[in-house]
Amino acid sequence: MQDQNILKFDIENLDDKKLDCLKDNSFEDKVQKEEKHSKFVEKNQKIYSENDSKKFEDILLRHIQKMNEKSITRNQLLTQHKQILLQLFGLGATIQEVLHFLKENNFTGITAENLNEFLKKKK
């Protein structure tokens, strides 16, 4: 009798283990399907480094600065930098020298007439 009980108990345990295995396999299948999907997505996406992230942030911040830049008129520009211009002219620089230096540095839009008017107003 005891042998039958033990045998019955062993069979029940074996059945339970089979069920557990089936449950585990189905879970693993789901995980594998999800992993495959994830891998597929990763293959189609660029993986970015922290360096890339920092560059992206810098680019966006520069764009914000550019959007916040105000346009100013020529006279406002000259007035804004009046001390430096006066210092240049005080050191003996001529209008032609200043214009030539600006042209060499690809800064256009300021004329001799503009600088003459600026000097007349500031004296």
N, C-alpha and C. Protein backbone atom coordinates (compact mmCIF):
# COMPACT_ATOMS: atom_id res chain seq x y z
N MET A 1 0.81 -1.18 0.00
CA MET A 1 0.00 0.00 0.00
C MET A 1 0.86 1.25 0.00
N GLN A 2 1.86 1.18 0.82
CA GLN A 2 2.76 2.32 0.87
C GLN A 2 3.43 2.54 -0.48
N ASP A 3 3.79 1.47 -1.12
CA ASP A 3 4.44 1.58 -2.42
C ASP A 3 3.51 2.25 -3.43
N GLN A 4 2.25 1.91 -3.36
CA GLN A 4 1.28 2.52 -4.28
C GLN A 4 1.14 4.01 -3.99
N ASN A 5 1.11 4.36 -2.71
CA ASN A 5 1.01 5.78 -2.34
C ASN A 5 2.25 6.56 -2.82
N ILE A 6 3.38 5.94 -2.64
CA ILE A 6 4.61 6.60 -3.08
C ILE A 6 4.62 6.73 -4.58
N LEU A 7 4.21 5.69 -5.29
CA LEU A 7 4.15 5.72 -6.74
C LEU A 7 3.17 6.79 -7.21
N LYS A 8 2.01 6.84 -6.56
CA LYS A 8 1.00 7.84 -6.90
C LYS A 8 1.56 9.25 -6.65
N PHE A 9 2.25 9.43 -5.57
CA PHE A 9 2.83 10.72 -5.22
C PHE A 9 3.91 11.12 -6.24
N ASP A 10 4.71 10.15 -6.65
CA ASP A 10 5.75 10.40 -7.65
C ASP A 10 5.14 10.79 -8.99
N ILE A 11 4.08 10.14 -9.36
CA ILE A 11 3.41 10.43 -10.63
C ILE A 11 2.83 11.85 -10.58
N GLU A 12 2.22 12.21 -9.45
CA GLU A 12 1.66 13.56 -9.30
C GLU A 12 2.77 14.61 -9.39
N ASN A 13 3.89 14.33 -8.73
CA ASN A 13 5.02 15.26 -8.79
C ASN A 13 5.55 15.41 -10.21
N LEU A 14 5.61 14.28 -10.91
CA LEU A 14 6.08 14.30 -12.28
C LEU A 14 5.14 15.12 -13.16
N ASP A 15 3.84 14.97 -12.95
CA ASP A 15 2.85 15.74 -13.70
C ASP A 15 3.00 17.24 -13.40
N ASP A 16 3.20 17.55 -12.13
CA ASP A 16 3.38 18.95 -11.74
C ASP A 16 4.63 19.55 -12.40
N LYS A 17 5.68 18.74 -12.45
CA LYS A 17 6.92 19.22 -13.07
C LYS A 17 6.71 19.46 -14.56
N LYS A 18 5.95 18.58 -15.20
CA LYS A 18 5.67 18.75 -16.63
C LYS A 18 4.89 20.03 -16.86
N LEU A 19 3.90 20.26 -16.00
CA LEU A 19 3.12 21.51 -16.12
C LEU A 19 4.02 22.73 -15.93
N ASP A 20 4.88 22.65 -14.94
CA ASP A 20 5.81 23.76 -14.69
C ASP A 20 6.70 24.00 -15.90
N CYS A 21 7.17 22.91 -16.49
CA CYS A 21 8.02 23.04 -17.67
C CYS A 21 7.27 23.69 -18.81
N LEU A 22 6.04 23.25 -19.00
CA LEU A 22 5.23 23.83 -20.07
C LEU A 22 5.00 25.32 -19.82
N LYS A 23 4.71 25.65 -18.58
CA LYS A 23 4.51 27.07 -18.23
C LYS A 23 5.79 27.85 -18.47
N ASP A 24 6.90 27.31 -18.02
CA ASP A 24 8.19 27.99 -18.17
C ASP A 24 8.53 28.19 -19.64
N ASN A 25 8.31 27.16 -20.45
CA ASN A 25 8.62 27.26 -21.87
C ASN A 25 7.77 28.32 -22.55
N SER A 26 6.50 28.38 -22.19
CA SER A 26 5.64 29.38 -22.83
C SER A 26 6.11 30.77 -22.44
N PHE A 27 6.54 30.95 -21.20
CA PHE A 27 7.06 32.25 -20.78
C PHE A 27 8.35 32.58 -21.53
N GLU A 28 9.22 31.57 -21.67
CA GLU A 28 10.48 31.79 -22.40
C GLU A 28 10.21 32.13 -23.85
N ASP A 29 9.21 31.48 -24.44
CA ASP A 29 8.86 31.79 -25.83
C ASP A 29 8.45 33.24 -25.96
N LYS A 30 7.63 33.70 -25.01
CA LYS A 30 7.20 35.10 -25.05
C LYS A 30 8.39 36.04 -24.92
N VAL A 31 9.27 35.70 -24.01
CA VAL A 31 10.45 36.54 -23.79
C VAL A 31 11.31 36.54 -25.04
N GLN A 32 11.49 35.36 -25.64
CA GLN A 32 12.30 35.28 -26.85
C GLN A 32 11.66 36.09 -27.98
N LYS A 33 10.35 36.02 -28.09
CA LYS A 33 9.67 36.81 -29.13
C LYS A 33 9.88 38.29 -28.87
N GLU A 34 9.76 38.72 -27.61
CA GLU A 34 9.98 40.11 -27.27
C GLU A 34 11.42 40.51 -27.53
N GLU A 35 12.35 39.63 -27.19
CA GLU A 35 13.76 39.93 -27.42
C GLU A 35 14.04 40.06 -28.91
N LYS A 36 13.48 39.17 -29.69
CA LYS A 36 13.68 39.25 -31.14
C LYS A 36 13.15 40.57 -31.67
N HIS A 37 11.99 40.96 -31.17
CA HIS A 37 11.41 42.23 -31.61
C HIS A 37 12.33 43.38 -31.21
N SER A 38 12.84 43.34 -30.00
CA SER A 38 13.72 44.39 -29.51
C SER A 38 15.01 44.44 -30.35
N LYS A 39 15.56 43.29 -30.65
CA LYS A 39 16.78 43.26 -31.44
C LYS A 39 16.51 43.84 -32.83
N PHE A 40 15.37 43.53 -33.40
CA PHE A 40 15.02 44.04 -34.71
C PHE A 40 14.93 45.56 -34.68
N VAL A 41 14.32 46.09 -33.63
CA VAL A 41 14.22 47.54 -33.49
C VAL A 41 15.60 48.16 -33.35
N GLU A 42 16.45 47.51 -32.54
CA GLU A 42 17.79 48.05 -32.32
C GLU A 42 18.60 48.08 -33.60
N LYS A 43 18.43 47.09 -34.45
CA LYS A 43 19.20 47.05 -35.69
C LYS A 43 18.82 48.20 -36.60
N ASN A 44 17.59 48.65 -36.54
CA ASN A 44 17.13 49.74 -37.40
C ASN A 44 17.32 51.11 -36.77
N GLN A 45 17.81 51.17 -35.55
CA GLN A 45 18.02 52.44 -34.88
C GLN A 45 19.50 52.64 -34.60
N LYS A 46 19.93 53.90 -34.71
CA LYS A 46 21.31 54.21 -34.36
C LYS A 46 21.41 54.28 -32.85
N ILE A 47 22.46 53.72 -32.33
CA ILE A 47 22.71 53.77 -30.90
C ILE A 47 23.63 54.97 -30.65
N TYR A 48 23.19 55.88 -29.80
CA TYR A 48 23.93 57.11 -29.54
C TYR A 48 24.77 57.00 -28.27
N SER A 49 25.91 57.62 -28.31
CA SER A 49 26.79 57.63 -27.13
C SER A 49 26.47 58.87 -26.30
N GLU A 50 27.07 58.93 -25.12
CA GLU A 50 26.89 60.13 -24.28
C GLU A 50 27.50 61.34 -24.98
N ASN A 51 28.57 61.12 -25.73
CA ASN A 51 29.18 62.21 -26.49
C ASN A 51 28.19 62.76 -27.51
N ASP A 52 27.49 61.86 -28.22
CA ASP A 52 26.48 62.28 -29.18
C ASP A 52 25.39 63.08 -28.49
N SER A 53 25.01 62.63 -27.32
CA SER A 53 23.97 63.31 -26.57
C SER A 53 24.40 64.73 -26.22
N LYS A 54 25.64 64.88 -25.81
CA LYS A 54 26.16 66.21 -25.45
C LYS A 54 26.22 67.11 -26.68
N LYS A 55 26.66 66.56 -27.81
CA LYS A 55 26.70 67.33 -29.06
C LYS A 55 25.30 67.79 -29.44
N PHE A 56 24.34 66.90 -29.33
CA PHE A 56 22.95 67.21 -29.66
C PHE A 56 22.47 68.37 -28.79
N GLU A 57 22.77 68.28 -27.49
CA GLU A 57 22.36 69.34 -26.56
C GLU A 57 23.02 70.66 -26.94
N ASP A 58 24.31 70.65 -27.26
CA ASP A 58 25.02 71.87 -27.64
C ASP A 58 24.41 72.50 -28.89
N ILE A 59 24.07 71.67 -29.86
CA ILE A 59 23.47 72.17 -31.10
C ILE A 59 22.13 72.83 -30.80
N LEU A 60 21.32 72.19 -29.97
CA LEU A 60 20.02 72.77 -29.63
C LEU A 60 20.16 74.07 -28.85
N LEU A 61 21.12 74.12 -27.94
CA LEU A 61 21.35 75.36 -27.17
C LEU A 61 21.82 76.49 -28.09
N ARG A 62 22.69 76.17 -29.07
CA ARG A 62 23.12 77.20 -30.02
C ARG A 62 21.96 77.70 -30.85
N HIS A 63 21.05 76.79 -31.19
CA HIS A 63 19.88 77.19 -31.97
C HIS A 63 18.99 78.13 -31.14
N ILE A 64 18.86 77.84 -29.86
CA ILE A 64 18.08 78.72 -28.97
C ILE A 64 18.73 80.10 -28.93
N GLN A 65 20.06 80.14 -28.80
CA GLN A 65 20.77 81.42 -28.78
C GLN A 65 20.54 82.18 -30.08
N LYS A 66 20.62 81.46 -31.19
CA LYS A 66 20.42 82.10 -32.49
C LYS A 66 19.02 82.68 -32.60
N MET A 67 18.04 81.94 -32.10
CA MET A 67 16.66 82.43 -32.16
C MET A 67 16.46 83.64 -31.26
N ASN A 68 17.24 83.72 -30.18
CA ASN A 68 17.10 84.84 -29.25
C ASN A 68 17.90 86.07 -29.68
N GLU A 69 18.77 85.91 -30.68
CA GLU A 69 19.55 87.06 -31.14
C GLU A 69 18.62 88.10 -31.72
N LYS A 70 18.92 89.33 -31.37
CA LYS A 70 18.11 90.43 -31.89
C LYS A 70 18.84 91.08 -33.05
N SER A 71 18.10 91.54 -34.00
CA SER A 71 18.69 92.29 -35.10
C SER A 71 18.79 93.74 -34.65
N ILE A 72 19.93 94.34 -34.93
CA ILE A 72 20.09 95.74 -34.58
C ILE A 72 20.52 96.52 -35.81
N THR A 73 20.30 97.80 -35.78
CA THR A 73 20.66 98.64 -36.91
C THR A 73 22.15 98.94 -36.88
N ARG A 74 22.63 99.48 -37.96
CA ARG A 74 24.04 99.86 -38.07
C ARG A 74 24.41 100.88 -36.99
N ASN A 75 23.55 101.88 -36.80
CA ASN A 75 23.83 102.91 -35.80
C ASN A 75 23.86 102.32 -34.39
N GLN A 76 22.93 101.37 -34.12
CA GLN A 76 22.93 100.72 -32.80
C GLN A 76 24.22 99.93 -32.60
N LEU A 77 24.68 99.29 -33.66
CA LEU A 77 25.92 98.52 -33.59
C LEU A 77 27.10 99.44 -33.27
N LEU A 78 27.18 100.55 -33.97
CA LEU A 78 28.27 101.50 -33.73
C LEU A 78 28.19 102.08 -32.32
N THR A 79 26.98 102.40 -31.87
CA THR A 79 26.80 102.96 -30.54
C THR A 79 27.15 101.93 -29.47
N GLN A 80 26.75 100.69 -29.70
CA GLN A 80 27.02 99.63 -28.75
C GLN A 80 28.52 99.44 -28.54
N HIS A 81 29.31 99.68 -29.56
CA HIS A 81 30.76 99.48 -29.49
C HIS A 81 31.51 100.81 -29.57
N LYS A 82 30.87 101.82 -29.10
CA LYS A 82 31.42 103.17 -29.18
C LYS A 82 32.77 103.28 -28.48
N GLN A 83 32.91 102.72 -27.29
CA GLN A 83 34.17 102.85 -26.54
C GLN A 83 35.34 102.25 -27.30
N ILE A 84 35.13 101.12 -27.91
CA ILE A 84 36.21 100.46 -28.66
C ILE A 84 36.56 101.28 -29.91
N LEU A 85 35.55 101.77 -30.59
CA LEU A 85 35.80 102.59 -31.78
C LEU A 85 36.54 103.87 -31.40
N LEU A 86 36.11 104.52 -30.34
CA LEU A 86 36.79 105.73 -29.90
C LEU A 86 38.23 105.43 -29.49
N GLN A 87 38.45 104.29 -28.87
CA GLN A 87 39.80 103.89 -28.49
C GLN A 87 40.66 103.68 -29.73
N LEU A 88 40.10 103.02 -30.75
CA LEU A 88 40.82 102.80 -32.01
C LEU A 88 41.21 104.14 -32.65
N PHE A 89 40.23 105.03 -32.76
CA PHE A 89 40.51 106.32 -33.38
C PHE A 89 41.45 107.15 -32.50
N GLY A 90 41.35 106.97 -31.20
CA GLY A 90 42.26 107.67 -30.28
C GLY A 90 43.70 107.20 -30.43
N LEU A 91 43.89 105.97 -30.83
CA LEU A 91 45.24 105.43 -31.06
C LEU A 91 45.80 105.83 -32.42
N GLY A 92 45.00 106.54 -33.20
CA GLY A 92 45.49 107.03 -34.49
C GLY A 92 44.98 106.25 -35.69
N ALA A 93 44.08 105.32 -35.51
CA ALA A 93 43.55 104.57 -36.65
C ALA A 93 42.69 105.51 -37.49
N THR A 94 42.79 105.33 -38.80
CA THR A 94 41.95 106.14 -39.71
C THR A 94 40.71 105.34 -40.07
N ILE A 95 39.75 106.05 -40.62
CA ILE A 95 38.50 105.39 -41.04
C ILE A 95 38.81 104.33 -42.09
N GLN A 96 39.72 104.63 -43.01
CA GLN A 96 40.07 103.67 -44.07
C GLN A 96 40.74 102.42 -43.48
N GLU A 97 41.57 102.61 -42.47
CA GLU A 97 42.22 101.45 -41.84
C GLU A 97 41.18 100.56 -41.15
N VAL A 98 40.25 101.18 -40.46
CA VAL A 98 39.19 100.41 -39.78
C VAL A 98 38.35 99.66 -40.81
N LEU A 99 37.95 100.34 -41.88
CA LEU A 99 37.15 99.69 -42.93
C LEU A 99 37.92 98.55 -43.58
N HIS A 100 39.21 98.75 -43.82
CA HIS A 100 40.04 97.71 -44.43
C HIS A 100 40.13 96.48 -43.50
N PHE A 101 40.33 96.74 -42.22
CA PHE A 101 40.41 95.64 -41.26
C PHE A 101 39.08 94.88 -41.17
N LEU A 102 37.98 95.61 -41.18
CA LEU A 102 36.65 94.96 -41.16
C LEU A 102 36.46 94.10 -42.42
N LYS A 103 36.87 94.64 -43.56
CA LYS A 103 36.72 93.91 -44.83
C LYS A 103 37.57 92.63 -44.82
N GLU A 104 38.80 92.73 -44.28
CA GLU A 104 39.67 91.55 -44.20
C GLU A 104 39.04 90.45 -43.36
N ASN A 105 38.23 90.83 -42.40
CA ASN A 105 37.59 89.87 -41.50
C ASN A 105 36.14 89.58 -41.89
N ASN A 106 35.83 89.84 -43.15
CA ASN A 106 34.51 89.51 -43.73
C ASN A 106 33.35 90.17 -43.00
N PHE A 107 33.57 91.40 -42.53
CA PHE A 107 32.48 92.15 -41.91
C PHE A 107 32.15 93.31 -42.83
N THR A 108 30.97 93.25 -43.43
CA THR A 108 30.59 94.28 -44.39
C THR A 108 29.36 95.04 -43.89
N GLY A 109 29.08 96.12 -44.57
CA GLY A 109 27.88 96.90 -44.24
C GLY A 109 28.18 98.21 -43.55
N ILE A 110 29.40 98.39 -43.05
CA ILE A 110 29.81 99.65 -42.45
C ILE A 110 30.57 100.43 -43.52
N THR A 111 30.20 101.70 -43.70
CA THR A 111 30.85 102.52 -44.72
C THR A 111 31.62 103.65 -44.06
N ALA A 112 32.43 104.31 -44.87
CA ALA A 112 33.19 105.47 -44.38
C ALA A 112 32.22 106.55 -43.91
N GLU A 113 31.15 106.71 -44.64
CA GLU A 113 30.13 107.70 -44.26
C GLU A 113 29.55 107.40 -42.88
N ASN A 114 29.26 106.13 -42.60
CA ASN A 114 28.74 105.72 -41.30
C ASN A 114 29.72 106.07 -40.18
N LEU A 115 30.99 105.79 -40.41
CA LEU A 115 32.01 106.07 -39.39
C LEU A 115 32.21 107.58 -39.20
N ASN A 116 32.14 108.33 -40.30
CA ASN A 116 32.24 109.80 -40.19
C ASN A 116 31.10 110.35 -39.35
N GLU A 117 29.88 109.91 -39.64
CA GLU A 117 28.72 110.36 -38.87
C GLU A 117 28.87 109.99 -37.39
N PHE A 118 29.35 108.79 -37.15
CA PHE A 118 29.56 108.32 -35.77
C PHE A 118 30.55 109.25 -35.05
N LEU A 119 31.65 109.58 -35.71
CA LEU A 119 32.67 110.43 -35.10
C LEU A 119 32.15 111.85 -34.85
N LYS A 120 31.35 112.36 -35.75
CA LYS A 120 30.79 113.71 -35.57
C LYS A 120 29.86 113.74 -34.36
N LYS A 121 29.05 112.71 -34.19
CA LYS A 121 28.10 112.65 -33.06
C LYS A 121 28.83 112.50 -31.73
N LYS A 122 29.93 111.83 -31.73
CA LYS A 122 30.61 111.49 -30.46
C LYS A 122 31.58 112.60 -30.02
N LYS A 123 31.90 113.55 -30.90
CA LYS A 123 32.84 114.60 -30.52
C LYS A 123 32.14 115.74 -29.84
